[in-house]
Amino acid sequence: MDLTWITSRVALGGGIWTSEHMAEVARAGITHVIDMQIEFDDTPLAEPFGIHVLWNPTDDDFQPKDPELLQRGVDFAQLALEDEKAKIFIHCAAGVHRAAMMTLAVLCSQGWDLNQAMETISSRRPVVDFAEVYVNSVERFLAQQVESGD
């Protein structure tokens, strides 16, 4: 299973695709999945394992992403992480662009500095490619959070 732990409770990786892989995700202690791939909804695979899924379908088209897309994932992650036993797996098809963008948004929403979060993610998962347009989307999202007082 293509899964890299970024923190002790947040993992980043590629597509799950099969019930056997979902079983591996469950054995890793993951309780929540943020599925950023437009290609496949993990929800039916996760149900037998009691894993909660947010299917947040995102096209990897190198176009700016709406703050609402990132807000859905951040809200889901924050609610999940209120349970100290919860662990989250954020993934897309390859774990290179979309999932990295969402992981960055989640970490920064937890108070991480943007550059430190990018360095940590990249050092733990070297295949990550922070496309400038996606980083800019996270920056816009974070600025909107500050403006609204979140």
C-alpha atoms as a PDB file:
ATOM      1  CA  MET A   1       0.000   0.000   0.000  1.00  0.00           C
ATOM      2  CA  ASP A   2       1.377   3.408  -1.032  1.00  0.00           C
ATOM      3  CA  LEU A   3       1.156   5.249   2.295  1.00  0.00           C
ATOM      4  CA  THR A   4       3.643   7.601   3.981  1.00  0.00           C
ATOM      5  CA  TRP A   5       3.216   8.895   7.533  1.00  0.00           C
ATOM      6  CA  ILE A   6       3.766  12.663   7.601  1.00  0.00           C
ATOM      7  CA  THR A   7       2.894  12.994  11.293  1.00  0.00           C
ATOM      8  CA  SER A   8       1.933  10.300  13.776  1.00  0.00           C
ATOM      9  CA  ARG A   9      -1.723  10.795  12.794  1.00  0.00           C
ATOM     10  CA  VAL A  10      -1.685  12.037   9.182  1.00  0.00           C
ATOM     11  CA  ALA A  11      -0.590   9.881   6.249  1.00  0.00           C
ATOM     12  CA  LEU A  12      -0.299  10.788   2.570  1.00  0.00           C
ATOM     13  CA  GLY A  13      -0.281   8.480  -0.418  1.00  0.00           C
ATOM     14  CA  GLY A  14      -1.711   7.060  -3.590  1.00  0.00           C
ATOM     15  CA  GLY A  15      -4.922   5.307  -4.524  1.00  0.00           C
ATOM     16  CA  ILE A  16      -6.407   2.480  -2.489  1.00  0.00           C
ATOM     17  CA  TRP A  17      -8.351   0.872  -5.367  1.00  0.00           C
ATOM     18  CA  THR A  18      -9.067  -2.590  -3.829  1.00  0.00           C
ATOM     19  CA  SER A  19     -10.614  -4.099  -0.710  1.00  0.00           C
ATOM     20  CA  GLU A  20      -7.266  -5.777   0.039  1.00  0.00           C
ATOM     21  CA  HIS A  21      -5.567  -2.385   0.099  1.00  0.00           C
ATOM     22  CA  MET A  22      -8.381  -0.947   2.226  1.00  0.00           C
ATOM     23  CA  ALA A  23      -7.768  -3.797   4.675  1.00  0.00           C
ATOM     24  CA  GLU A  24      -4.115  -2.676   4.844  1.00  0.00           C
ATOM     25  CA  VAL A  25      -5.285   0.886   5.510  1.00  0.00           C
ATOM     26  CA  ALA A  26      -7.482  -0.390   8.341  1.00  0.00           C
ATOM     27  CA  ARG A  27      -4.628  -2.462   9.805  1.00  0.00           C
ATOM     28  CA  ALA A  28      -2.494   0.709   9.827  1.00  0.00           C
ATOM     29  CA  GLY A  29      -5.016   2.158  12.279  1.00  0.00           C
ATOM     30  CA  ILE A  30      -6.494   4.663   9.861  1.00  0.00           C
ATOM     31  CA  THR A  31     -10.016   5.711  10.802  1.00  0.00           C
ATOM     32  CA  HIS A  32     -10.643   8.453   8.227  1.00  0.00           C
ATOM     33  CA  VAL A  33      -9.781   8.892   4.554  1.00  0.00           C
ATOM     34  CA  ILE A  34      -9.754  12.085   2.508  1.00  0.00           C
ATOM     35  CA  ASP A  35     -10.004  10.832  -1.061  1.00  0.00           C
ATOM     36  CA  MET A  36      -8.919  13.618  -3.429  1.00  0.00           C
ATOM     37  CA  GLN A  37      -9.041  11.555  -6.612  1.00  0.00           C
ATOM     38  CA  ILE A  38     -11.768  12.250  -9.115  1.00  0.00           C
ATOM     39  CA  GLU A  39     -11.179   8.800 -10.585  1.00  0.00           C
ATOM     40  CA  PHE A  40     -12.561   6.603  -7.770  1.00  0.00           C
ATOM     41  CA  ASP A  41     -14.743   6.946  -4.655  1.00  0.00           C
ATOM     42  CA  ASP A  42     -13.384   4.828  -1.772  1.00  0.00           C
ATOM     43  CA  THR A  43     -16.621   4.913   0.224  1.00  0.00           C
ATOM     44  CA  PRO A  44     -17.906   1.423  -0.740  1.00  0.00           C
ATOM     45  CA  LEU A  45     -14.487  -0.122  -0.015  1.00  0.00           C
ATOM     46  CA  ALA A  46     -14.260   1.587   3.393  1.00  0.00           C
ATOM     47  CA  GLU A  47     -17.718   0.725   4.739  1.00  0.00           C
ATOM     48  CA  PRO A  48     -16.921  -2.889   5.782  1.00  0.00           C
ATOM     49  CA  PHE A  49     -13.970  -1.562   7.827  1.00  0.00           C
ATOM     50  CA  GLY A  50     -15.851   1.277   9.533  1.00  0.00           C
ATOM     51  CA  ILE A  51     -13.533   3.850   7.955  1.00  0.00           C
ATOM     52  CA  HIS A  52     -15.065   7.267   7.358  1.00  0.00           C
ATOM     53  CA  VAL A  53     -14.437   8.691   3.882  1.00  0.00           C
ATOM     54  CA  LEU A  54     -14.660  12.193   2.518  1.00  0.00           C
ATOM     55  CA  TRP A  55     -14.710  11.868  -1.245  1.00  0.00           C
ATOM     56  CA  ASN A  56     -13.465  15.291  -2.321  1.00  0.00           C
ATOM     57  CA  PRO A  57     -13.076  14.701  -6.090  1.00  0.00           C
ATOM     58  CA  THR A  58     -10.439  16.971  -7.562  1.00  0.00           C
ATOM     59  CA  ASP A  59      -9.115  17.099 -11.096  1.00  0.00           C
ATOM     60  CA  ASP A  60      -5.313  17.164 -11.287  1.00  0.00           C
ATOM     61  CA  ASP A  61      -5.497  19.827 -13.998  1.00  0.00           C
ATOM     62  CA  PHE A  62      -2.982  22.347 -12.619  1.00  0.00           C
ATOM     63  CA  GLN A  63      -5.742  24.949 -12.287  1.00  0.00           C
ATOM     64  CA  PRO A  64      -6.387  26.988  -9.127  1.00  0.00           C
ATOM     65  CA  LYS A  65      -8.554  25.164  -6.590  1.00  0.00           C
ATOM     66  CA  ASP A  66     -11.439  26.839  -4.778  1.00  0.00           C
ATOM     67  CA  PRO A  67     -11.002  27.488  -1.061  1.00  0.00           C
ATOM     68  CA  GLU A  68     -14.248  25.540  -0.487  1.00  0.00           C
ATOM     69  CA  LEU A  69     -12.570  22.359  -1.768  1.00  0.00           C
ATOM     70  CA  LEU A  70      -9.787  22.725   0.777  1.00  0.00           C
ATOM     71  CA  GLN A  71     -12.221  23.790   3.511  1.00  0.00           C
ATOM     72  CA  ARG A  72     -14.205  20.537   3.125  1.00  0.00           C
ATOM     73  CA  GLY A  73     -11.057  18.495   3.700  1.00  0.00           C
ATOM     74  CA  VAL A  74      -9.794  20.634   6.568  1.00  0.00           C
ATOM     75  CA  ASP A  75     -13.182  20.527   8.320  1.00  0.00           C
ATOM     76  CA  PHE A  76     -13.321  16.727   7.941  1.00  0.00           C
ATOM     77  CA  ALA A  77      -9.745  16.366   9.252  1.00  0.00           C
ATOM     78  CA  GLN A  78     -10.256  18.708  12.202  1.00  0.00           C
ATOM     79  CA  LEU A  79     -13.418  16.911  13.278  1.00  0.00           C
ATOM     80  CA  ALA A  80     -11.709  13.524  12.952  1.00  0.00           C
ATOM     81  CA  LEU A  81      -8.615  14.605  14.872  1.00  0.00           C
ATOM     82  CA  GLU A  82     -10.731  15.708  17.843  1.00  0.00           C
ATOM     83  CA  ASP A  83     -10.713  11.985  18.651  1.00  0.00           C
ATOM     84  CA  GLU A  84      -7.180  11.315  19.856  1.00  0.00           C
ATOM     85  CA  LYS A  85      -7.357   7.755  18.489  1.00  0.00           C
ATOM     86  CA  ALA A  86      -8.190   8.897  14.951  1.00  0.00           C
ATOM     87  CA  LYS A  87      -5.698   8.709  12.089  1.00  0.00           C
ATOM     88  CA  ILE A  88      -6.220  10.177   8.637  1.00  0.00           C
ATOM     89  CA  PHE A  89      -5.029   9.005   5.239  1.00  0.00           C
ATOM     90  CA  ILE A  90      -5.091  11.739   2.582  1.00  0.00           C
ATOM     91  CA  HIS A  91      -4.666  10.386  -0.903  1.00  0.00           C
ATOM     92  CA  CYS A  92      -5.209  10.878  -4.619  1.00  0.00           C
ATOM     93  CA  ALA A  93      -4.242   8.506  -7.425  1.00  0.00           C
ATOM     94  CA  ALA A  94      -0.455   8.825  -7.049  1.00  0.00           C
ATOM     95  CA  GLY A  95       0.030  10.853  -3.856  1.00  0.00           C
ATOM     96  CA  VAL A  96       2.031  13.505  -5.675  1.00  0.00           C
ATOM     97  CA  HIS A  97      -0.146  16.612  -6.303  1.00  0.00           C
ATOM     98  CA  ARG A  98      -3.729  16.696  -5.017  1.00  0.00           C
ATOM     99  CA  ALA A  99      -3.182  14.794  -1.772  1.00  0.00           C
ATOM    100  CA  ALA A 100      -0.033  16.797  -1.068  1.00  0.00           C
ATOM    101  CA  MET A 101      -2.024  20.018  -1.537  1.00  0.00           C
ATOM    102  CA  MET A 102      -4.698  18.839   0.913  1.00  0.00           C
ATOM    103  CA  THR A 103      -2.125  17.608   3.426  1.00  0.00           C
ATOM    104  CA  LEU A 104      -0.470  21.015   3.265  1.00  0.00           C
ATOM    105  CA  ALA A 105      -3.831  22.718   3.918  1.00  0.00           C
ATOM    106  CA  VAL A 106      -4.561  20.403   6.862  1.00  0.00           C
ATOM    107  CA  LEU A 107      -1.167  20.916   8.495  1.00  0.00           C
ATOM    108  CA  CYS A 108      -1.247  24.692   8.013  1.00  0.00           C
ATOM    109  CA  SER A 109      -4.754  24.804   9.484  1.00  0.00           C
ATOM    110  CA  GLN A 110      -3.275  23.119  12.550  1.00  0.00           C
ATOM    111  CA  GLY A 111      -0.808  25.990  12.904  1.00  0.00           C
ATOM    112  CA  TRP A 112       2.132  24.748  10.879  1.00  0.00           C
ATOM    113  CA  ASP A 113       4.159  27.296   8.934  1.00  0.00           C
ATOM    114  CA  LEU A 114       3.617  26.778   5.185  1.00  0.00           C
ATOM    115  CA  ASN A 115       7.309  26.338   4.320  1.00  0.00           C
ATOM    116  CA  GLN A 116       7.975  24.051   7.295  1.00  0.00           C
ATOM    117  CA  ALA A 117       4.966  21.928   6.344  1.00  0.00           C
ATOM    118  CA  MET A 118       6.177  21.675   2.734  1.00  0.00           C
ATOM    119  CA  GLU A 119       9.677  20.688   3.889  1.00  0.00           C
ATOM    120  CA  THR A 120       8.327  18.063   6.286  1.00  0.00           C
ATOM    121  CA  ILE A 121       5.989  16.565   3.684  1.00  0.00           C
ATOM    122  CA  SER A 122       8.737  16.525   1.011  1.00  0.00           C
ATOM    123  CA  SER A 123      11.335  15.028   3.343  1.00  0.00           C
ATOM    124  CA  ARG A 124       9.033  12.178   4.345  1.00  0.00           C
ATOM    125  CA  ARG A 125       7.539  11.623   0.875  1.00  0.00           C
ATOM    126  CA  PRO A 126      10.127  12.697  -1.718  1.00  0.00           C
ATOM    127  CA  VAL A 127       7.852  11.953  -4.706  1.00  0.00           C
ATOM    128  CA  VAL A 128       5.604  14.886  -3.728  1.00  0.00           C
ATOM    129  CA  ASP A 129       5.579  17.707  -6.268  1.00  0.00           C
ATOM    130  CA  PHE A 130       4.229  20.979  -4.914  1.00  0.00           C
ATOM    131  CA  ALA A 131       2.899  22.574  -8.083  1.00  0.00           C
ATOM    132  CA  GLU A 132       2.980  26.349  -7.724  1.00  0.00           C
ATOM    133  CA  VAL A 133      -0.711  26.693  -8.627  1.00  0.00           C
ATOM    134  CA  TYR A 134      -1.676  24.261  -5.854  1.00  0.00           C
ATOM    135  CA  VAL A 135       0.539  25.964  -3.259  1.00  0.00           C
ATOM    136  CA  ASN A 136      -1.030  29.283  -4.292  1.00  0.00           C
ATOM    137  CA  SER A 137      -4.468  27.697  -3.806  1.00  0.00           C
ATOM    138  CA  VAL A 138      -3.500  26.715  -0.250  1.00  0.00           C
ATOM    139  CA  GLU A 139      -2.162  30.225   0.403  1.00  0.00           C
ATOM    140  CA  ARG A 140      -5.458  31.754  -0.803  1.00  0.00           C
ATOM    141  CA  PHE A 141      -7.390  29.323   1.393  1.00  0.00           C
ATOM    142  CA  LEU A 142      -5.285  30.197   4.457  1.00  0.00           C
ATOM    143  CA  ALA A 143      -5.649  33.939   3.791  1.00  0.00           C
ATOM    144  CA  GLN A 144      -9.422  33.490   3.584  1.00  0.00           C
ATOM    145  CA  GLN A 145      -9.372  31.629   6.932  1.00  0.00           C
ATOM    146  CA  VAL A 146      -7.482  34.520   8.542  1.00  0.00           C
ATOM    147  CA  GLU A 147      -9.896  37.074   7.081  1.00  0.00           C
ATOM    148  CA  SER A 148     -12.931  35.183   8.369  1.00  0.00           C
ATOM    149  CA  GLY A 149     -11.306  34.724  11.802  1.00  0.00           C
ATOM    150  CA  ASP A 150     -11.118  30.917  11.669  1.00  0.00           C
END
